[in-house]
Amino acid sequence: MLLMFRLHRLDVLPVDDLGIRAAIRRLYGLEELPKKKMSF
């Protein structure tokens, strides 16, 4: 919470987290797990 709200770091969630990807898939009704976005 400190990183997100006080230091404005919105990238603190791991992109490979299976639980988060599964929840997004269920929430948006996707057939496959979403792919992680690579941004450098």
PDB file of N, CA and C in Angstrom:
ATOM      1  N   MET A   1       0.826  -1.186   0.000  1.00  0.00           N
ATOM      2  CA  MET A   1       0.000   0.000   0.000  1.00  0.00           C
ATOM      3  C   MET A   1       0.874   1.254   0.000  1.00  0.00           C
ATOM      4  N   LEU A   2       1.953   1.202   0.745  1.00  0.00           N
ATOM      5  CA  LEU A   2       2.865   2.341   0.783  1.00  0.00           C
ATOM      6  C   LEU A   2       3.417   2.631  -0.601  1.00  0.00           C
ATOM      7  N   LEU A   3       3.853   1.602  -1.303  1.00  0.00           N
ATOM      8  CA  LEU A   3       4.401   1.804  -2.641  1.00  0.00           C
ATOM      9  C   LEU A   3       3.363   2.379  -3.598  1.00  0.00           C
ATOM     10  N   MET A   4       2.143   1.870  -3.523  1.00  0.00           N
ATOM     11  CA  MET A   4       1.117   2.301  -4.482  1.00  0.00           C
ATOM     12  C   MET A   4       0.589   3.700  -4.191  1.00  0.00           C
ATOM     13  N   PHE A   5       0.259   3.976  -2.936  1.00  0.00           N
ATOM     14  CA  PHE A   5      -0.449   5.218  -2.640  1.00  0.00           C
ATOM     15  C   PHE A   5       0.452   6.375  -2.220  1.00  0.00           C
ATOM     16  N   ARG A   6       1.544   6.110  -1.545  1.00  0.00           N
ATOM     17  CA  ARG A   6       2.412   7.203  -1.104  1.00  0.00           C
ATOM     18  C   ARG A   6       3.533   7.482  -2.098  1.00  0.00           C
ATOM     19  N   LEU A   7       4.074   6.422  -2.689  1.00  0.00           N
ATOM     20  CA  LEU A   7       5.181   6.599  -3.632  1.00  0.00           C
ATOM     21  C   LEU A   7       4.727   6.537  -5.086  1.00  0.00           C
ATOM     22  N   HIS A   8       3.418   6.377  -5.298  1.00  0.00           N
ATOM     23  CA  HIS A   8       2.810   6.365  -6.648  1.00  0.00           C
ATOM     24  C   HIS A   8       3.444   5.325  -7.560  1.00  0.00           C
ATOM     25  N   ARG A   9       3.753   4.149  -7.007  1.00  0.00           N
ATOM     26  CA  ARG A   9       4.293   3.036  -7.782  1.00  0.00           C
ATOM     27  C   ARG A   9       3.155   2.083  -8.094  1.00  0.00           C
ATOM     28  N   LEU A  10       2.638   2.138  -9.300  1.00  0.00           N
ATOM     29  CA  LEU A  10       1.500   1.295  -9.670  1.00  0.00           C
ATOM     30  C   LEU A  10       1.939  -0.053 -10.223  1.00  0.00           C
ATOM     31  N   ASP A  11       3.252  -0.282 -10.301  1.00  0.00           N
ATOM     32  CA  ASP A  11       3.774  -1.511 -10.895  1.00  0.00           C
ATOM     33  C   ASP A  11       4.241  -2.510  -9.846  1.00  0.00           C
ATOM     34  N   VAL A  12       3.610  -2.534  -8.697  1.00  0.00           N
ATOM     35  CA  VAL A  12       4.072  -3.400  -7.616  1.00  0.00           C
ATOM     36  C   VAL A  12       3.492  -4.806  -7.675  1.00  0.00           C
ATOM     37  N   LEU A  13       2.487  -5.060  -8.496  1.00  0.00           N
ATOM     38  CA  LEU A  13       1.915  -6.395  -8.606  1.00  0.00           C
ATOM     39  C   LEU A  13       2.750  -7.227  -9.577  1.00  0.00           C
ATOM     40  N   PRO A  14       3.044  -8.474  -9.244  1.00  0.00           N
ATOM     41  CA  PRO A  14       3.829  -9.318 -10.153  1.00  0.00           C
ATOM     42  C   PRO A  14       3.010  -9.688 -11.389  1.00  0.00           C
ATOM     43  N   VAL A  15       3.580  -9.517 -12.571  1.00  0.00           N
ATOM     44  CA  VAL A  15       2.836  -9.771 -13.814  1.00  0.00           C
ATOM     45  C   VAL A  15       2.610 -11.249 -14.067  1.00  0.00           C
ATOM     46  N   ASP A  16       3.392 -12.116 -13.439  1.00  0.00           N
ATOM     47  CA  ASP A  16       3.235 -13.553 -13.646  1.00  0.00           C
ATOM     48  C   ASP A  16       2.363 -14.209 -12.580  1.00  0.00           C
ATOM     49  N   ASP A  17       1.712 -13.431 -11.733  1.00  0.00           N
ATOM     50  CA  ASP A  17       0.904 -13.985 -10.655  1.00  0.00           C
ATOM     51  C   ASP A  17      -0.308 -14.698 -11.244  1.00  0.00           C
ATOM     52  N   LEU A  18      -0.363 -16.013 -11.054  1.00  0.00           N
ATOM     53  CA  LEU A  18      -1.430 -16.819 -11.640  1.00  0.00           C
ATOM     54  C   LEU A  18      -2.795 -16.441 -11.081  1.00  0.00           C
ATOM     55  N   GLY A  19      -2.868 -16.126  -9.796  1.00  0.00           N
ATOM     56  CA  GLY A  19      -4.140 -15.754  -9.182  1.00  0.00           C
ATOM     57  C   GLY A  19      -4.720 -14.489  -9.778  1.00  0.00           C
ATOM     58  N   ILE A  20      -3.874 -13.499 -10.010  1.00  0.00           N
ATOM     59  CA  ILE A  20      -4.328 -12.238 -10.607  1.00  0.00           C
ATOM     60  C   ILE A  20      -4.763 -12.455 -12.044  1.00  0.00           C
ATOM     61  N   ARG A  21      -3.973 -13.223 -12.808  1.00  0.00           N
ATOM     62  CA  ARG A  21      -4.337 -13.481 -14.202  1.00  0.00           C
ATOM     63  C   ARG A  21      -5.634 -14.283 -14.303  1.00  0.00           C
ATOM     64  N   ALA A  22      -5.830 -15.254 -13.399  1.00  0.00           N
ATOM     65  CA  ALA A  22      -7.067 -16.042 -13.409  1.00  0.00           C
ATOM     66  C   ALA A  22      -8.266 -15.176 -13.029  1.00  0.00           C
ATOM     67  N   ALA A  23      -8.082 -14.274 -12.077  1.00  0.00           N
ATOM     68  CA  ALA A  23      -9.182 -13.392 -11.677  1.00  0.00           C
ATOM     69  C   ALA A  23      -9.560 -12.447 -12.814  1.00  0.00           C
ATOM     70  N   ILE A  24      -8.575 -11.933 -13.537  1.00  0.00           N
ATOM     71  CA  ILE A  24      -8.859 -11.052 -14.682  1.00  0.00           C
ATOM     72  C   ILE A  24      -9.589 -11.833 -15.770  1.00  0.00           C
ATOM     73  N   ARG A  25      -9.149 -13.076 -15.997  1.00  0.00           N
ATOM     74  CA  ARG A  25      -9.821 -13.915 -17.001  1.00  0.00           C
ATOM     75  C   ARG A  25     -11.286 -14.122 -16.641  1.00  0.00           C
ATOM     76  N   ARG A  26     -11.548 -14.427 -15.376  1.00  0.00           N
ATOM     77  CA  ARG A  26     -12.923 -14.656 -14.927  1.00  0.00           C
ATOM     78  C   ARG A  26     -13.741 -13.370 -14.970  1.00  0.00           C
ATOM     79  N   LEU A  27     -13.148 -12.259 -14.546  1.00  0.00           N
ATOM     80  CA  LEU A  27     -13.855 -10.983 -14.496  1.00  0.00           C
ATOM     81  C   LEU A  27     -14.289 -10.515 -15.891  1.00  0.00           C
ATOM     82  N   TYR A  28     -13.394 -10.670 -16.879  1.00  0.00           N
ATOM     83  CA  TYR A  28     -13.700 -10.196 -18.227  1.00  0.00           C
ATOM     84  C   TYR A  28     -14.252 -11.285 -19.141  1.00  0.00           C
ATOM     85  N   GLY A  29     -14.429 -12.485 -18.635  1.00  0.00           N
ATOM     86  CA  GLY A  29     -14.994 -13.575 -19.428  1.00  0.00           C
ATOM     87  C   GLY A  29     -14.098 -14.007 -20.568  1.00  0.00           C
ATOM     88  N   LEU A  30     -12.789 -14.008 -20.348  1.00  0.00           N
ATOM     89  CA  LEU A  30     -11.839 -14.402 -21.394  1.00  0.00           C
ATOM     90  C   LEU A  30     -11.733 -15.917 -21.449  1.00  0.00           C
ATOM     91  N   GLU A  31     -11.415 -16.453 -22.621  1.00  0.00           N
ATOM     92  CA  GLU A  31     -11.266 -17.897 -22.757  1.00  0.00           C
ATOM     93  C   GLU A  31      -9.889 -18.365 -22.318  1.00  0.00           C
ATOM     94  N   GLU A  32      -8.869 -17.518 -22.468  1.00  0.00           N
ATOM     95  CA  GLU A  32      -7.503 -17.860 -22.075  1.00  0.00           C
ATOM     96  C   GLU A  32      -7.016 -16.890 -21.018  1.00  0.00           C
ATOM     97  N   LEU A  33      -5.968 -17.300 -20.318  1.00  0.00           N
ATOM     98  CA  LEU A  33      -5.346 -16.380 -19.368  1.00  0.00           C
ATOM     99  C   LEU A  33      -4.729 -15.213 -20.131  1.00  0.00           C
ATOM    100  N   PRO A  34      -4.825 -14.009 -19.617  1.00  0.00           N
ATOM    101  CA  PRO A  34      -4.203 -12.875 -20.298  1.00  0.00           C
ATOM    102  C   PRO A  34      -2.685 -13.008 -20.284  1.00  0.00           C
ATOM    103  N   LYS A  35      -2.055 -12.544 -21.339  1.00  0.00           N
ATOM    104  CA  LYS A  35      -0.607 -12.552 -21.439  1.00  0.00           C
ATOM    105  C   LYS A  35      -0.042 -11.356 -20.701  1.00  0.00           C
ATOM    106  N   LYS A  36       1.172 -11.497 -20.195  1.00  0.00           N
ATOM    107  CA  LYS A  36       1.791 -10.352 -19.544  1.00  0.00           C
ATOM    108  C   LYS A  36       2.281  -9.378 -20.607  1.00  0.00           C
ATOM    109  N   LYS A  37       2.187  -8.116 -20.311  1.00  0.00           N
ATOM    110  CA  LYS A  37       2.595  -7.071 -21.244  1.00  0.00           C
ATOM    111  C   LYS A  37       4.048  -6.720 -20.949  1.00  0.00           C
ATOM    112  N   MET A  38       4.878  -6.785 -21.954  1.00  0.00           N
ATOM    113  CA  MET A  38       6.286  -6.434 -21.790  1.00  0.00           C
ATOM    114  C   MET A  38       6.483  -4.986 -22.203  1.00  0.00           C
ATOM    115  N   SER A  39       6.952  -4.185 -21.275  1.00  0.00           N
ATOM    116  CA  SER A  39       7.231  -2.779 -21.611  1.00  0.00           C
ATOM    117  C   SER A  39       8.574  -2.404 -21.012  1.00  0.00           C
ATOM    118  N   PHE A  40       9.485  -2.005 -21.868  1.00  0.00           N
ATOM    119  CA  PHE A  40      10.816  -1.582 -21.429  1.00  0.00           C
ATOM    120  C   PHE A  40      11.076  -0.165 -21.808  1.00  0.00           C
TER     121      PHE A  40
END
